[in-house]
Protein backbone atom coordinates (compact mmCIF):
# COMPACT_ATOMS: atom_id res chain seq x y z
CA MET A 1 -7.63 -22.75 13.87
CA ASP A 2 -7.45 -23.54 10.15
CA PHE A 3 -5.49 -20.95 8.19
CA GLY A 4 -5.71 -22.88 4.93
CA LEU A 5 -7.03 -21.23 1.80
CA SER A 6 -10.19 -22.37 0.05
CA LYS A 7 -9.91 -23.87 -3.44
CA GLU A 8 -11.05 -20.57 -4.95
CA GLN A 9 -8.45 -18.63 -2.97
CA GLU A 10 -5.73 -21.09 -3.97
CA LEU A 11 -6.75 -20.66 -7.60
CA LEU A 12 -6.55 -16.88 -7.21
CA ARG A 13 -3.07 -17.15 -5.66
CA ASP A 14 -1.81 -19.53 -8.33
CA SER A 15 -3.26 -17.42 -11.15
CA VAL A 16 -1.63 -14.21 -9.92
CA THR A 17 1.69 -15.91 -9.15
CA GLY A 18 1.78 -17.66 -12.51
CA PHE A 19 0.93 -14.51 -14.43
CA LEU A 20 3.61 -12.47 -12.69
CA SER A 21 6.29 -15.13 -13.04
CA HIS A 22 5.82 -15.12 -16.82
CA ARG A 23 4.80 -11.53 -17.53
CA TYR A 24 6.45 -9.35 -14.89
CA ASP A 25 10.13 -9.05 -15.69
CA LEU A 26 12.12 -7.38 -12.90
CA ALA A 27 14.60 -5.68 -15.22
CA ARG A 28 11.81 -4.21 -17.35
CA SER A 29 9.87 -3.03 -14.31
CA ARG A 30 12.97 -1.32 -12.84
CA THR A 31 13.60 0.41 -16.16
CA ALA A 32 10.00 1.65 -16.25
CA ALA A 33 10.22 2.77 -12.63
CA THR A 34 13.53 4.59 -12.87
CA THR A 35 13.63 6.03 -16.38
CA GLY A 36 10.12 5.71 -17.79
CA ALA A 37 6.64 6.66 -16.69
CA GLY A 38 7.08 5.01 -13.29
CA TRP A 39 4.90 1.99 -14.08
CA GLN A 40 3.71 -0.29 -16.87
CA PRO A 41 0.16 0.62 -17.95
CA ASP A 42 -0.06 -2.50 -20.12
CA VAL A 43 0.57 -4.68 -17.06
CA TRP A 44 -2.03 -2.73 -15.09
CA ARG A 45 -4.65 -3.34 -17.78
CA ALA A 46 -3.69 -7.02 -17.95
CA LEU A 47 -4.23 -7.34 -14.19
CA SER A 48 -7.81 -6.31 -14.89
CA GLU A 49 -8.56 -7.83 -18.29
CA GLU A 50 -6.68 -11.13 -17.98
CA LEU A 51 -6.79 -11.79 -14.23
CA GLY A 52 -9.57 -9.59 -12.89
CA ILE A 53 -7.67 -8.98 -9.66
CA LEU A 54 -8.27 -5.23 -9.66
CA GLY A 55 -11.86 -6.12 -8.87
CA ALA A 56 -11.15 -9.10 -6.61
CA THR A 57 -12.13 -7.22 -3.45
CA LEU A 58 -14.65 -4.84 -5.06
CA PRO A 59 -18.43 -5.43 -5.14
CA GLU A 60 -20.01 -7.37 -7.97
CA ASP A 61 -22.18 -4.46 -9.15
CA VAL A 62 -19.06 -2.59 -10.34
CA GLY A 63 -17.49 -5.61 -12.03
CA GLY A 64 -15.74 -7.02 -8.97
CA MET A 65 -15.64 -10.43 -7.29
CA ASN A 66 -16.90 -9.33 -3.86
CA GLY A 67 -13.83 -10.81 -2.16
CA GLY A 68 -12.83 -10.12 1.42
CA PRO A 69 -9.70 -9.69 3.57
CA VAL A 70 -8.27 -13.11 2.65
CA GLU A 71 -8.42 -12.31 -1.07
CA LEU A 72 -6.75 -8.98 -0.29
CA MET A 73 -3.94 -10.82 1.52
CA VAL A 74 -3.48 -13.35 -1.29
CA VAL A 75 -3.20 -10.70 -4.01
CA ALA A 76 -0.98 -8.33 -2.02
CA GLU A 77 1.46 -11.08 -1.07
CA ALA A 78 1.78 -12.24 -4.68
CA LEU A 79 2.39 -8.67 -5.84
CA GLY A 80 5.05 -8.26 -3.18
CA HIS A 81 6.81 -11.48 -4.17
CA ALA A 82 7.18 -10.09 -7.71
CA LEU A 83 8.07 -6.56 -6.50
CA VAL A 84 5.21 -5.01 -8.45
CA VAL A 85 5.30 -1.18 -8.40
CA GLU A 86 1.88 -0.65 -9.98
CA PRO A 87 -0.49 1.23 -7.59
CA TYR A 88 -2.62 -1.63 -6.24
CA VAL A 89 -2.82 -0.45 -2.62
CA ASP A 90 -3.41 3.21 -3.47
CA THR A 91 -6.09 2.46 -6.06
CA VAL A 92 -7.84 -0.79 -5.16
CA VAL A 93 -7.44 -0.91 -1.38
CA LEU A 94 -7.54 2.74 -0.33
CA GLY A 95 -9.47 4.21 -3.25
CA GLY A 96 -11.76 1.25 -3.84
CA GLY A 97 -12.59 0.79 -0.17
CA MET A 98 -13.43 4.41 0.59
CA LEU A 99 -15.38 4.90 -2.63
CA HIS A 100 -17.44 1.79 -1.94
CA ARG A 101 -18.29 2.90 1.59
CA SER A 102 -19.17 6.45 0.53
CA GLY A 103 -21.55 5.39 -2.23
CA GLY A 104 -23.15 7.67 -4.78
CA PRO A 105 -23.14 7.83 -8.60
CA ARG A 106 -19.68 9.41 -8.96
CA ALA A 107 -18.07 6.88 -6.61
CA HIS A 108 -19.84 4.04 -8.43
CA ALA A 109 -18.52 5.22 -11.80
CA VAL A 110 -14.93 5.44 -10.55
CA LEU A 111 -15.20 1.99 -8.94
CA GLU A 112 -16.22 0.56 -12.30
CA ALA A 113 -13.22 2.30 -13.89
CA ILE A 114 -10.90 0.86 -11.21
CA ALA A 115 -12.16 -2.67 -11.79
CA SER A 116 -11.64 -2.29 -15.54
CA GLY A 117 -8.13 -0.87 -15.15
CA GLU A 118 -9.07 2.58 -16.47
CA ALA A 119 -8.76 4.58 -13.24
CA VAL A 120 -5.91 5.11 -10.79
CA THR A 121 -6.51 6.89 -7.49
CA ALA A 122 -4.12 8.59 -5.10
CA PHE A 123 -4.91 9.33 -1.45
CA ALA A 124 -3.91 12.88 -0.50
CA ALA A 125 -3.97 12.74 3.30
CA THR A 126 -0.52 13.22 4.86
CA GLU A 127 0.45 16.80 5.72
CA PRO A 128 3.79 18.41 6.66
CA THR A 129 2.88 18.52 10.37
CA SER A 130 0.55 15.52 10.69
CA GLY A 131 3.02 12.65 11.01
CA TYR A 132 1.03 9.42 11.01
CA ASP A 133 -2.08 11.02 12.55
CA PHE A 134 -4.24 11.15 9.44
CA HIS A 135 -6.96 13.12 11.26
CA ASP A 136 -4.49 15.93 12.08
CA LEU A 137 -5.50 18.31 9.27
CA THR A 138 -4.79 21.92 8.45
CA THR A 139 -6.16 21.58 4.90
CA THR A 140 -9.62 23.15 4.81
CA ALA A 141 -12.62 23.04 2.51
CA ARG A 142 -15.33 25.70 2.52
CA ARG A 143 -18.50 26.15 0.55
CA ASP A 144 -18.65 28.95 -1.98
CA GLY A 145 -21.90 28.97 -3.89
CA GLY A 146 -22.26 25.65 -5.67
CA GLU A 147 -18.61 24.68 -5.18
CA TRP A 148 -16.09 23.71 -2.54
CA VAL A 149 -12.83 25.66 -2.18
CA ILE A 150 -9.85 23.66 -0.85
CA ASP A 151 -6.74 25.24 0.68
CA GLY A 152 -3.76 23.44 2.18
CA ALA A 153 -0.83 21.15 1.47
CA LYS A 154 -0.32 17.39 1.20
CA ILE A 155 3.01 15.58 1.08
CA VAL A 156 4.21 12.20 -0.21
CA VAL A 157 1.01 11.50 -2.13
CA THR A 158 2.04 8.18 -3.62
CA SER A 159 0.78 7.42 -7.14
CA ALA A 160 -0.30 11.04 -7.71
CA PRO A 161 1.89 11.28 -10.86
CA LEU A 162 -0.07 8.32 -12.27
CA ALA A 163 -3.52 9.20 -10.99
CA THR A 164 -6.75 9.92 -12.82
CA HIS A 165 -8.47 10.84 -9.54
CA LEU A 166 -7.45 12.19 -6.16
CA LEU A 167 -9.09 11.42 -2.83
CA VAL A 168 -8.43 14.49 -0.69
CA THR A 169 -9.06 14.82 3.04
CA ALA A 170 -9.93 18.29 4.30
CA ARG A 171 -11.41 19.81 7.42
CA THR A 172 -14.88 21.29 7.03
CA ALA A 173 -15.49 21.74 10.77
CA GLY A 174 -13.89 21.23 14.17
CA ASP A 175 -10.41 21.76 15.55
CA ARG A 176 -7.23 20.65 13.82
CA ARG A 177 -6.91 17.22 15.47
CA ASP A 178 -10.58 16.32 15.81
CA THR A 179 -11.77 13.16 14.09
CA ALA A 180 -15.15 14.84 13.64
CA GLY A 181 -15.33 17.46 10.92
CA LEU A 182 -13.08 15.60 8.49
CA SER A 183 -14.46 15.32 4.95
CA LEU A 184 -13.35 13.40 1.87
CA PHE A 185 -13.42 14.75 -1.70
CA LEU A 186 -13.15 12.93 -5.02
CA VAL A 187 -11.34 15.04 -7.62
CA GLU A 188 -10.69 14.30 -11.28
CA PHE A 189 -7.00 14.79 -11.96
CA ASP A 190 -4.51 15.03 -14.82
CA PRO A 191 -0.91 14.98 -13.52
CA ALA A 192 0.39 16.17 -16.89
CA ASN A 193 -1.80 19.26 -16.62
CA PRO A 194 -2.76 19.93 -12.97
CA PRO A 195 -5.97 21.96 -12.56
CA ALA A 196 -5.98 25.60 -11.55
CA GLY A 197 -5.28 26.02 -7.86
CA VAL A 198 -3.03 22.94 -7.60
CA GLU A 199 0.76 23.11 -7.48
CA MET A 200 2.47 19.75 -7.92
CA HIS A 201 6.04 18.64 -7.23
CA SER A 202 6.68 15.02 -8.26
CA TYR A 203 9.60 12.71 -7.54
CA ARG A 204 10.74 9.09 -7.36
CA THR A 205 10.86 7.52 -3.90
CA ILE A 206 13.64 5.32 -2.53
CA ASP A 207 11.69 2.19 -3.49
CA ASP A 208 11.21 3.32 -7.11
CA ARG A 209 7.63 4.49 -6.75
CA ARG A 210 6.23 7.84 -7.81
CA ALA A 211 4.86 10.45 -5.41
CA SER A 212 4.03 14.14 -5.31
CA ASP A 213 3.76 17.01 -2.88
CA LEU A 214 0.58 18.97 -3.59
CA THR A 215 -0.37 22.52 -2.63
CA PHE A 216 -3.99 23.63 -2.93
CA SER A 217 -4.62 27.37 -3.20
CA GLY A 218 -8.24 28.28 -3.80
CA PHE A 219 -8.76 24.96 -5.57
CA ARG A 220 -12.40 24.79 -6.65
CA VAL A 221 -14.26 21.51 -6.98
CA PRO A 222 -17.97 20.86 -7.68
CA ALA A 223 -20.44 20.30 -4.87
CA ASP A 224 -20.78 16.60 -5.68
CA ALA A 225 -17.03 16.09 -5.14
CA LEU A 226 -17.88 15.56 -1.46
CA LEU A 227 -18.06 11.85 -0.67
CA GLY A 228 -20.51 10.78 2.00
CA ASP A 229 -21.65 13.12 4.76
CA GLU A 230 -19.92 16.43 5.38
CA GLY A 231 -17.60 16.09 8.36
CA GLY A 232 -18.24 12.37 8.70
CA ALA A 233 -15.43 10.78 6.69
CA TRP A 234 -13.17 9.63 9.52
CA PRO A 235 -14.72 6.16 10.14
CA SER A 236 -14.29 5.26 6.46
CA VAL A 237 -10.83 6.84 6.24
CA SER A 238 -9.55 5.09 9.38
CA LEU A 239 -10.84 1.74 8.12
CA GLY A 240 -9.24 2.39 4.73
CA ILE A 241 -5.89 3.11 6.34
CA ASP A 242 -6.10 -0.09 8.41
CA GLU A 243 -6.96 -2.08 5.27
CA ALA A 244 -4.03 -0.51 3.40
CA THR A 245 -1.70 -1.21 6.34
CA THR A 246 -2.75 -4.86 6.25
CA ALA A 247 -2.19 -4.95 2.49
CA VAL A 248 1.38 -3.61 2.72
CA ALA A 249 2.02 -6.07 5.57
CA ALA A 250 0.95 -8.92 3.29
CA GLU A 251 3.07 -7.42 0.51
CA ALA A 252 6.03 -7.43 2.90
CA VAL A 253 5.52 -11.15 3.54
CA GLY A 254 5.77 -11.79 -0.20
CA LEU A 255 8.93 -9.68 -0.36
CA MET A 256 10.50 -11.45 2.61
CA ARG A 257 9.71 -14.90 1.24
CA LYS A 258 11.55 -14.00 -1.97
CA VAL A 259 14.50 -12.39 -0.18
CA LEU A 260 14.99 -15.37 2.13
CA ALA A 261 14.74 -17.88 -0.72
CA ASP A 262 17.26 -15.92 -2.80
CA THR A 263 19.62 -15.65 0.16
CA VAL A 264 19.54 -19.38 0.88
CA GLU A 265 20.18 -20.13 -2.80
CA TYR A 266 23.06 -17.65 -2.95
CA THR A 267 24.78 -19.15 0.10
CA LYS A 268 24.64 -22.56 -1.57
CA GLN A 269 26.51 -21.21 -4.60
CA ARG A 270 28.98 -18.73 -3.08
CA ARG A 271 32.15 -20.54 -2.03
CA GLN A 272 34.79 -19.52 0.49
CA PHE A 273 37.74 -21.59 1.69
CA GLY A 274 36.67 -24.27 -0.73
CA HIS A 275 33.16 -24.67 0.72
CA PRO A 276 29.72 -23.11 0.10
CA ILE A 277 29.25 -20.34 2.66
CA GLY A 278 25.85 -21.86 3.42
CA SER A 279 27.67 -24.74 5.12
CA PHE A 280 29.09 -22.40 7.78
CA GLN A 281 27.17 -22.83 11.01
CA ALA A 282 27.15 -19.14 11.91
CA LEU A 283 25.45 -18.27 8.62
CA GLN A 284 23.01 -21.15 8.99
CA HIS A 285 21.98 -19.71 12.36
CA ARG A 286 21.53 -16.31 10.76
CA MET A 287 19.20 -17.74 8.11
CA VAL A 288 17.24 -19.68 10.73
CA ASP A 289 16.69 -16.38 12.57
CA MET A 290 15.47 -14.84 9.31
CA TYR A 291 13.08 -17.76 8.83
CA MET A 292 11.70 -17.33 12.35
CA GLU A 293 11.10 -13.62 11.74
CA LEU A 294 9.27 -14.50 8.53
CA GLU A 295 7.02 -17.02 10.29
CA GLN A 296 6.13 -14.46 12.94
CA ALA A 297 5.36 -11.94 10.21
CA ILE A 298 3.06 -14.42 8.46
CA SER A 299 1.19 -15.06 11.70
CA ALA A 300 0.89 -11.32 12.31
CA VAL A 301 -0.71 -10.80 8.89
CA TYR A 302 -3.21 -13.56 9.68
CA LEU A 303 -4.07 -11.67 12.88
CA ALA A 304 -4.87 -8.48 10.98
CA VAL A 305 -6.78 -10.29 8.23
CA MET A 306 -8.93 -12.13 10.78
CA HIS A 307 -9.95 -8.86 12.47
CA LEU A 308 -10.35 -6.42 9.57
CA GLU A 309 -14.11 -6.86 9.77
CA ALA A 310 -14.25 -6.75 13.60
CA ASP A 311 -15.31 -3.71 15.62
CA ASP A 312 -13.12 -0.61 15.39
CA LEU A 313 -11.13 -1.16 18.59
CA VAL A 314 -10.28 -4.80 17.94
CA ARG A 315 -9.41 -4.09 14.32
CA ALA A 316 -7.13 -1.17 15.16
CA ARG A 317 -5.27 -3.10 17.87
CA SER A 318 -4.75 -6.07 15.59
CA VAL A 319 -3.50 -3.94 12.72
CA SER A 320 -1.07 -2.06 14.95
CA ALA A 321 0.30 -5.30 16.42
CA THR A 322 0.74 -6.60 12.88
CA LYS A 323 2.49 -3.49 11.54
CA ALA A 324 4.92 -3.35 14.48
CA THR A 325 5.83 -7.00 13.87
CA ILE A 326 6.16 -6.50 10.11
CA SER A 327 8.37 -3.43 10.49
CA ARG A 328 10.77 -5.34 12.75
CA ALA A 329 10.85 -8.38 10.48
CA ALA A 330 11.31 -6.29 7.33
CA ARG A 331 14.37 -4.60 8.79
CA PHE A 332 15.91 -7.80 10.16
CA ILE A 333 15.39 -9.92 7.05
CA GLY A 334 16.26 -7.15 4.59
CA GLN A 335 19.47 -6.13 6.34
CA ASN A 336 20.64 -9.70 6.88
CA ALA A 337 19.93 -10.62 3.27
CA VAL A 338 22.12 -7.75 2.07
CA GLN A 339 24.89 -8.69 4.51
CA LEU A 340 24.87 -12.34 3.45
CA HIS A 341 25.13 -11.29 -0.19
CA GLY A 342 28.09 -9.07 0.62
CA GLY A 343 28.75 -5.96 -1.45
CA MET A 344 26.68 -7.41 -4.31
CA GLY A 345 23.59 -7.07 -2.17
CA MET A 346 23.30 -3.37 -2.90
CA THR A 347 24.02 -3.48 -6.63
CA GLU A 348 21.40 -2.76 -9.27
CA GLU A 349 22.06 -6.13 -10.90
CA LEU A 350 20.77 -8.27 -8.04
CA ALA A 351 17.10 -8.36 -7.08
CA VAL A 352 17.84 -8.39 -3.35
CA GLY A 353 18.91 -4.73 -3.35
CA HIS A 354 15.61 -3.63 -4.91
CA TYR A 355 13.62 -5.79 -2.49
CA PHE A 356 15.59 -4.35 0.41
CA LYS A 357 14.64 -0.80 -0.61
CA ARG A 358 10.94 -1.70 -0.70
CA LEU A 359 11.15 -3.46 2.68
CA THR A 360 12.84 -0.36 4.11
CA ALA A 361 10.05 1.84 2.79
CA ILE A 362 7.38 -0.47 4.23
CA GLU A 363 8.94 0.00 7.68
CA TYR A 364 7.64 3.57 7.57
CA GLU A 365 4.55 3.29 5.37
CA PHE A 366 1.35 3.93 7.34
CA GLY A 367 3.34 4.18 10.56
CA THR A 368 6.60 2.98 12.07
CA ALA A 369 6.94 0.21 14.64
CA ASP A 370 7.23 2.85 17.39
CA HIS A 371 4.08 4.60 16.20
CA HIS A 372 2.06 1.39 16.19
CA ILE A 373 3.40 0.20 19.53
CA ALA A 374 2.29 3.51 21.02
CA ARG A 375 -1.06 3.24 19.24
CA TYR A 376 -1.55 -0.30 20.52
CA ALA A 377 -0.78 0.79 24.08
CA GLU A 378 -3.24 3.67 23.83
CA LEU A 379 -5.95 1.42 22.38
CA THR A 380 -5.38 -1.14 25.12
CA LYS A 381 -6.31 1.51 27.71
CA ALA A 382 -9.62 2.15 25.93
């Protein structure tokens, strides 16, 4: 099977890679992430205005390029290679995908704003007791006149401190763990001045991203905040989560490519006993093992990308197999890279420490290896 990119996809990859190599300085991005606003809005706008990649996978009628899973993979991997902290997955993949599938005038307007770099979305789905089961909801939404009233709590809502809009899952019918009865709401949001009925606690995550815990207490939203059919959001949400899982897997490949290349280069320069440590056979074997893990990770991402548009069962199995493989590879490559760099590997001065933190976070994002192995086994019985 041919896994080569088309000329257009190669151009997209080269454009994004070239832009980031010249415009995305690691030191500046870390400063923005750790002491500033948490991101670089000027870079975010440039990704739209100069590259157009915020619309690469969005439909043409909202200013996008109508790209598919391969374009998603190409962009996410390039962003990972540069350790970009801007909220691509939360906004373009999760937000853009679910808004497109739900349809309607409000969703269309926000999609246009995403493509133009004016909107940032955050997906408020995870709850204190839900784990990685995104349909396990205690947050509820009930009708009250011409409004919806939302009550409940969401945790680790990544990009919420940057967001202009929230996508909130809430139960409008059914039991706590049912997939039926889950609804999705689009809410305008100002993190500097949260609306009445929303309590917000924000923080920086281990990988220098921004997240919030949100509590909704009698939070009122207009009737048209409901996206799609009442109680029928789960098919779109589950697909969105699988797309986002694939995107972070592709991001991890970009991270691991960079980490391995930096490690090989470092072992050529670091000398011990009068020789480069890269000439020691034991360390050569270690780096070969890292390379093999990377190649398996690349193949796993291809598996998910090939099946994102397949039926639900095939897609879910493929994504879980991919995420389990990526989680293992991220840990192995990240930990070995730090070890081969010695104590310097965890300093702020070297890039490898920052990449290692992001790889560690990706191990757990959208499900651990154990979660996805169990999910794959359960889906195989179906």
